[in-house]
Structures are given as C-alpha cells and as structure tokens.
C-alpha cells in the first residue's frame, strides 16, 4: 500500500516540486507558492462544487431546524422529511464531503513533499534520494536552497509572522462560511470552534518548517478568494466598524424644561391667532 502511494502520488508531486524549484531560479519558496496555486487551479471544479453545496446546505438550516423541532420524537420521520427537503432543493448531502475527500490525498502528498524535499540531515537526504527521478533537472536542484524572504524553509519561523498569517487567514475563511446561530448555546459553541481551529494550526506552525507554513498561508488566501467570488462577497464575515458612536441626547433638567415652557406657550398662542 505504501509503495502504491509513493509511486502514484507522492513521488510525482515531490519530483515536480523540486523540478519547479530549479526552473524558478533555484527558489524553493517560490516553487511552493507556484505549485500550491497550480494544484488549487486544477482542483477548482471540485472546490466550486463543495462551496456551492455548503452554501445551499446553510440556506436550508432554518427549515431543517423546524423539522427537527417538529419531529423531535420520531427520528425515522425526521430522516424522511429531511431527505425530501434535500430532494426538493436539488442538494446531495454528500456533495460537501466528496470533493474534500478527493482533495485530501493531494494535500497530504504536498505536505510530505515539502517535508522530504527540505531534508536537513544526512538521514533525510538518504530517504529523499530513494524518491527522486533520474532527471537532470532534479539532480541539479539538490541540495535545495532553503532561504526565502529571510526564512529558512526547513526551520520554524522565529518571527511568528507565518503563524499569525496562518491563524488569521484560516479564521477569515471559517467566518465567511459560518452563519450566526440564533441559539445562545449554539452561538457560543460556534464561536469556540471558529477560534480553536485557527489557533491550533497557528500553534502547529510554530514547530513545523516554514515551507509548510508558507503553503498553508497561500492555500488559505486562495480559498478566501474562491469563497469570495463563488459566494458573491464576504459571506458571513463582517469587518469591524471604526465609526465614532453618535452622541445620545442628554436628558433635560427640570430648570431647562421650566425655561422652555413659556416659549412653547407663546408659539402655541401665535398659531391660534394665525
């Protein structure tokens, strides 16, 4: 099984990444960015389908909640009504899952390729040599130049900038597709989930090579762009408002009210005479 994985998926991605680095002026960081963009473009139809299915499922949430309340004690009837609702809306419940499952092997291969290509020890170089094709373009690229924008791509980012970018872009992506919950408990749970995943990946970035963090940042930015155009805007993400709060009218004191009463009486008298 491992040999099938290496021959069919890992080795082509790994050798393609190394060859691309050689073609891009021996810049491995630029190769990671370009390969990430190419892979996202190739998987664009699946991503569009997943995004549209997710959006359609979110639009059905109010009706699904009504069915759950109505048939809370009859699970069989609830499933039948939910399937009927899906059929009427033309939605496949698995439409959100299949594109993601198909993409998973490619993302794993990209992750392993970046980790193996940035071999920092003799043992890792020996393992890398077992996966390389006998191409002149690949041989000329080894060992790779791991320096990119002041970073060593085989080492974690000491400035934590990539960790912040990974967490921020992932948080924006999740906010765009997460509708606000009406139930306070669900809202609290949704807020915790939206924050936990970005924080967890940002924490992982602190110990992972910068090359992998660079891949995550680029992939998240592309995901935000795709979500923006497919969903027709920022979705459920709202930018913080920096407007100055409008001054509320101060309640009048008893002295001010007493001073205004004669003027009001004079105005009313003039209106009656007119």
Protein backbone atom coordinates (compact mmCIF):
# COMPACT_ATOMS: atom_id res chain seq x y z
CA UNK A 1 0.00 0.00 0.00
CA UNK A 2 2.86 2.35 0.86
CA UNK A 3 4.57 1.59 -2.47
CA UNK A 4 1.37 2.40 -4.37
CA UNK A 5 1.08 5.71 -2.52
CA UNK A 6 4.70 6.64 -3.23
CA UNK A 7 4.66 5.66 -6.91
CA UNK A 8 1.23 7.06 -7.80
CA UNK A 9 1.03 10.26 -5.72
CA UNK A 10 4.00 11.21 -3.53
CA UNK A 11 6.89 10.76 -5.97
CA UNK A 12 5.28 12.72 -8.85
CA UNK A 13 4.42 15.63 -6.56
CA UNK A 14 7.85 15.60 -4.90
CA UNK A 15 9.83 15.49 -8.14
CA UNK A 16 7.56 18.08 -9.74
CA UNK A 17 8.16 20.43 -6.81
CA UNK A 18 11.94 20.01 -7.00
CA UNK A 19 12.00 20.44 -10.79
CA UNK A 20 9.81 23.52 -10.49
CA UNK A 21 12.26 24.96 -7.98
CA UNK A 22 15.11 24.56 -10.47
CA UNK A 23 13.08 26.27 -13.20
CA UNK A 24 12.27 29.17 -10.84
CA UNK A 25 15.88 30.29 -10.35
CA UNK A 26 16.55 27.70 -7.59
CA UNK A 27 13.95 29.40 -5.40
CA UNK A 28 12.18 26.68 -3.42
CA UNK A 29 9.87 29.14 -1.65
CA UNK A 30 8.62 30.43 -4.98
CA UNK A 31 8.19 26.81 -6.14
CA UNK A 32 5.94 26.10 -3.15
CA UNK A 33 3.78 29.12 -3.97
CA UNK A 34 3.51 28.28 -7.67
CA UNK A 35 2.75 24.59 -7.06
CA UNK A 36 0.09 25.47 -4.49
CA UNK A 37 -1.58 27.82 -7.00
CA UNK A 38 -1.39 25.19 -9.76
CA UNK A 39 -2.92 22.50 -7.56
CA UNK A 40 -5.72 24.80 -6.42
CA UNK A 41 -6.47 25.72 -10.05
CA UNK A 42 -6.60 22.03 -11.07
CA UNK A 43 -8.96 21.29 -8.18
CA UNK A 44 -11.06 24.40 -8.85
CA UNK A 45 -14.14 22.48 -10.15
CA UNK A 46 -14.23 20.35 -7.00
CA UNK A 47 -13.75 23.42 -4.82
CA UNK A 48 -16.60 25.26 -6.59
CA UNK A 49 -18.89 22.28 -6.12
CA UNK A 50 -18.02 21.98 -2.44
CA UNK A 51 -18.51 25.72 -1.83
CA UNK A 52 -21.89 25.79 -3.58
CA UNK A 53 -23.09 22.68 -1.74
CA UNK A 54 -22.03 24.17 1.59
CA UNK A 55 -23.83 27.43 0.83
CA UNK A 56 -27.01 25.58 -0.22
CA UNK A 57 -26.92 23.49 2.97
CA UNK A 58 -26.60 26.65 5.07
CA UNK A 59 -29.63 28.20 3.34
CA UNK A 60 -31.67 25.15 4.35
CA UNK A 61 -30.71 25.40 8.03
CA UNK A 62 -33.88 27.26 9.14
CA UNK A 63 -36.16 24.66 7.50
CA UNK A 64 -34.06 21.82 8.92
CA UNK A 65 -34.34 23.28 12.41
CA UNK A 66 -38.11 23.46 12.04
CA UNK A 67 -38.21 19.79 11.03
CA UNK A 68 -36.01 18.84 13.98
CA UNK A 69 -38.41 20.56 16.38
CA UNK A 70 -41.48 19.12 14.70
CA UNK A 71 -40.24 15.52 14.57
CA UNK A 72 -38.01 15.50 17.64
CA UNK A 73 -39.60 12.26 18.89
CA UNK A 74 -39.81 10.48 15.54
CA UNK A 75 -36.31 10.06 14.11
CA UNK A 76 -37.47 7.92 11.20
CA UNK A 77 -39.99 10.53 10.08
CA UNK A 78 -37.36 13.24 10.58
CA UNK A 79 -34.93 11.48 8.23
CA UNK A 80 -37.66 11.01 5.62
CA UNK A 81 -38.65 14.69 5.74
CA UNK A 82 -35.03 15.83 5.58
CA UNK A 83 -34.37 13.64 2.52
CA UNK A 84 -37.50 15.08 0.93
CA UNK A 85 -36.22 18.59 1.67
CA UNK A 86 -32.86 17.77 0.08
CA UNK A 87 -34.58 16.33 -2.99
CA UNK A 88 -36.81 19.36 -3.46
CA UNK A 89 -33.81 21.70 -3.18
CA UNK A 90 -31.73 19.53 -5.53
CA UNK A 91 -28.98 19.03 -2.94
CA UNK A 92 -26.88 15.93 -2.33
CA UNK A 93 -25.91 15.78 1.37
CA UNK A 94 -22.61 14.14 0.38
CA UNK A 95 -21.86 16.93 -2.08
CA UNK A 96 -19.95 18.79 0.64
CA UNK A 97 -17.86 15.74 1.56
CA UNK A 98 -16.79 14.05 -1.67
CA UNK A 99 -14.76 16.97 -3.07
CA UNK A 100 -12.95 17.27 0.25
CA UNK A 101 -12.19 13.54 0.37
CA UNK A 102 -10.83 13.61 -3.17
CA UNK A 103 -8.57 16.55 -2.36
CA UNK A 104 -7.16 15.04 0.85
CA UNK A 105 -4.57 12.72 -0.82
CA UNK A 106 -3.19 15.65 -2.83
CA UNK A 107 -2.86 17.86 0.25
CA UNK A 108 -1.13 15.04 2.16
CA UNK A 109 1.27 14.48 -0.77
CA UNK A 110 2.08 18.20 -0.85
CA UNK A 111 2.75 18.16 2.89
CA UNK A 112 5.04 15.11 2.65
CA UNK A 113 6.81 16.52 -0.41
CA UNK A 114 7.67 19.77 1.33
CA UNK A 115 8.86 17.91 4.43
CA UNK A 116 11.04 15.47 2.46
CA UNK A 117 12.41 17.96 -0.06
CA UNK A 118 13.73 20.16 2.74
CA UNK A 119 15.94 17.38 4.05
CA UNK A 120 18.14 18.91 6.74
CA UNK A 121 20.06 15.82 7.93
CA UNK A 122 22.07 13.10 6.12
CA UNK A 123 19.43 10.54 7.05
CA UNK A 124 16.69 12.66 5.49
CA UNK A 125 18.81 13.17 2.37
CA UNK A 126 19.18 9.41 2.05
CA UNK A 127 15.40 8.96 2.29
CA UNK A 128 14.90 11.75 -0.25
CA UNK A 129 17.27 10.09 -2.75
CA UNK A 130 15.05 7.00 -2.80
CA UNK A 131 12.12 9.05 -4.18
CA UNK A 132 13.94 11.09 -6.84
CA UNK A 133 13.55 10.52 -10.58
CA UNK A 134 16.69 10.22 -12.74
CA UNK A 135 16.12 13.67 -14.24
CA UNK A 136 18.94 16.13 -14.82
CA UNK A 137 16.64 18.94 -13.73
CA UNK A 138 16.05 17.22 -10.39
CA UNK A 139 19.71 16.27 -9.85
CA UNK A 140 20.84 19.84 -10.47
CA UNK A 141 18.40 21.19 -7.87
CA UNK A 142 19.73 19.04 -4.99
CA UNK A 143 20.55 20.28 -2.40
CA UNK A 144 17.78 22.84 -2.42
CA UNK A 145 18.22 26.47 -1.45
CA UNK A 146 16.03 26.77 1.62
CA UNK A 147 16.37 30.54 2.07
CA UNK A 148 13.29 32.58 1.15
CA UNK A 149 12.44 36.13 2.28
CA UNK A 150 14.83 35.87 5.20
CA UNK A 151 13.42 32.50 6.30
CA UNK A 152 14.95 29.03 6.40
CA UNK A 153 12.17 26.94 4.93
CA UNK A 154 13.34 23.78 6.72
CA UNK A 155 13.14 25.51 10.11
CA UNK A 156 10.21 27.09 12.03
CA UNK A 157 9.67 30.82 11.59
CA UNK A 158 11.33 32.55 14.59
CA UNK A 159 9.40 35.79 13.95
CA UNK A 160 6.00 34.03 14.29
CA UNK A 161 4.72 36.10 11.33
CA UNK A 162 3.75 32.96 9.37
CA UNK A 163 1.97 31.53 12.41
CA UNK A 164 -0.10 34.71 12.72
CA UNK A 165 -0.88 34.69 8.99
CA UNK A 166 -1.91 31.02 9.09
CA UNK A 167 -4.28 31.60 12.02
CA UNK A 168 -5.68 34.85 10.61
CA UNK A 169 -6.37 33.54 7.09
CA UNK A 170 -7.94 30.34 8.42
CA UNK A 171 -10.13 32.36 10.81
CA UNK A 172 -11.34 34.62 7.98
CA UNK A 173 -12.10 31.56 5.85
CA UNK A 174 -14.17 29.97 8.60
CA UNK A 175 -16.01 33.21 9.41
CA UNK A 176 -17.04 33.53 5.75
CA UNK A 177 -18.89 30.18 5.80
CA UNK A 178 -20.18 30.07 9.39
CA UNK A 179 -23.69 31.54 9.73
CA UNK A 180 -24.61 33.28 13.01
CA UNK A 181 -26.53 31.00 15.36
CA UNK A 182 -29.81 32.11 16.91
CA UNK A 183 -29.47 29.90 19.98
CA UNK A 184 -27.02 31.39 22.55
CA UNK A 185 -25.55 27.95 23.28
CA UNK A 186 -25.01 27.19 19.60
CA UNK A 187 -23.54 30.66 19.11
CA UNK A 188 -21.04 30.09 21.91
CA UNK A 189 -20.11 26.66 20.53
CA UNK A 190 -19.76 28.06 17.00
CA UNK A 191 -17.52 30.89 18.23
CA UNK A 192 -15.29 28.45 20.10
CA UNK A 193 -14.98 26.18 17.03
CA UNK A 194 -14.22 29.12 14.75
CA UNK A 195 -11.41 30.23 17.07
CA UNK A 196 -10.00 26.83 18.09
CA UNK A 197 -9.05 25.56 14.62
CA UNK A 198 -7.07 28.68 13.57
CA UNK A 199 -5.35 28.82 16.95
CA UNK A 200 -4.48 25.12 16.73
CA UNK A 201 -2.95 25.44 13.25
CA UNK A 202 -1.12 28.61 14.28
CA UNK A 203 0.34 26.68 17.22
CA UNK A 204 1.41 23.83 14.92
CA UNK A 205 3.11 26.37 12.65
CA UNK A 206 5.43 27.36 15.49
CA UNK A 207 7.06 23.90 15.37
CA UNK A 208 6.64 22.99 11.67
CA UNK A 209 9.05 24.04 8.88
CA UNK A 210 8.42 27.47 7.40
CA UNK A 211 7.95 25.88 3.97
CA UNK A 212 4.83 24.10 5.17
CA UNK A 213 3.55 27.27 6.85
CA UNK A 214 4.09 29.13 3.57
CA UNK A 215 1.99 26.51 1.79
CA UNK A 216 -0.81 26.91 4.37
CA UNK A 217 -0.86 30.69 4.03
CA UNK A 218 -1.00 30.62 0.23
CA UNK A 219 -3.64 27.87 0.21
CA UNK A 220 -5.82 29.78 2.70
CA UNK A 221 -5.58 33.02 0.72
CA UNK A 222 -6.61 31.20 -2.47
CA UNK A 223 -9.50 29.62 -0.55
CA UNK A 224 -10.65 33.06 0.61
CA UNK A 225 -10.55 34.39 -2.96
CA UNK A 226 -12.52 31.40 -4.27
CA UNK A 227 -15.09 31.71 -1.48
CA UNK A 228 -15.45 35.45 -2.15
CA UNK A 229 -16.27 35.03 -5.86
CA UNK A 230 -18.36 31.86 -5.54
CA UNK A 231 -20.47 33.14 -2.65
CA UNK A 232 -20.68 36.65 -4.10
CA UNK A 233 -18.95 38.53 -1.32
CA UNK A 234 -17.52 38.04 2.16
CA UNK A 235 -20.35 35.75 3.23
CA UNK A 236 -20.91 35.87 6.98
CA UNK A 237 -17.63 37.66 7.68
CA UNK A 238 -18.11 41.27 8.76
CA UNK A 239 -15.36 43.84 9.07
CA UNK A 240 -15.08 45.68 12.39
CA UNK A 241 -16.64 49.14 12.33
CA UNK A 242 -14.48 52.08 13.38
CA UNK A 243 -17.22 54.71 13.26
CA UNK A 244 -17.48 57.10 16.17
CA UNK A 245 -20.57 56.40 18.26
CA UNK A 246 -23.24 59.02 17.81
CA UNK A 247 -23.81 61.23 20.82
CA UNK A 248 -27.03 60.41 22.61
CA UNK A 249 -29.28 63.37 23.52
CA UNK A 250 -28.86 64.29 27.16
CA UNK A 251 -32.00 64.35 29.31
CA UNK A 252 -33.15 67.86 30.11
CA UNK A 253 -33.02 69.09 33.63
CA UNK A 254 -36.06 70.49 35.45
CA UNK A 255 -34.67 74.06 35.09
CA UNK A 256 -34.33 73.72 31.31
CA UNK A 257 -37.85 72.31 30.99
CA UNK A 258 -39.25 75.20 33.04
CA UNK A 259 -37.39 77.74 30.87
CA UNK A 260 -38.79 76.20 27.68
CA UNK A 261 -42.41 76.14 28.82
CA UNK A 262 -43.09 79.95 28.31
CA UNK A 263 -41.57 79.89 24.82
CA UNK A 264 -43.71 76.90 23.85
CA UNK A 265 -46.82 78.65 25.20
CA UNK A 266 -46.05 81.77 23.15
CA UNK A 267 -45.60 79.68 19.98
CA UNK A 268 -48.92 77.88 20.52
CA UNK A 269 -50.65 81.22 21.10
CA UNK A 270 -49.26 82.65 17.86
CA UNK A 271 -50.51 79.59 15.97
CA UNK A 272 -54.06 80.06 17.38
CA UNK A 273 -54.09 83.76 16.41
CA UNK A 274 -52.92 82.89 12.93
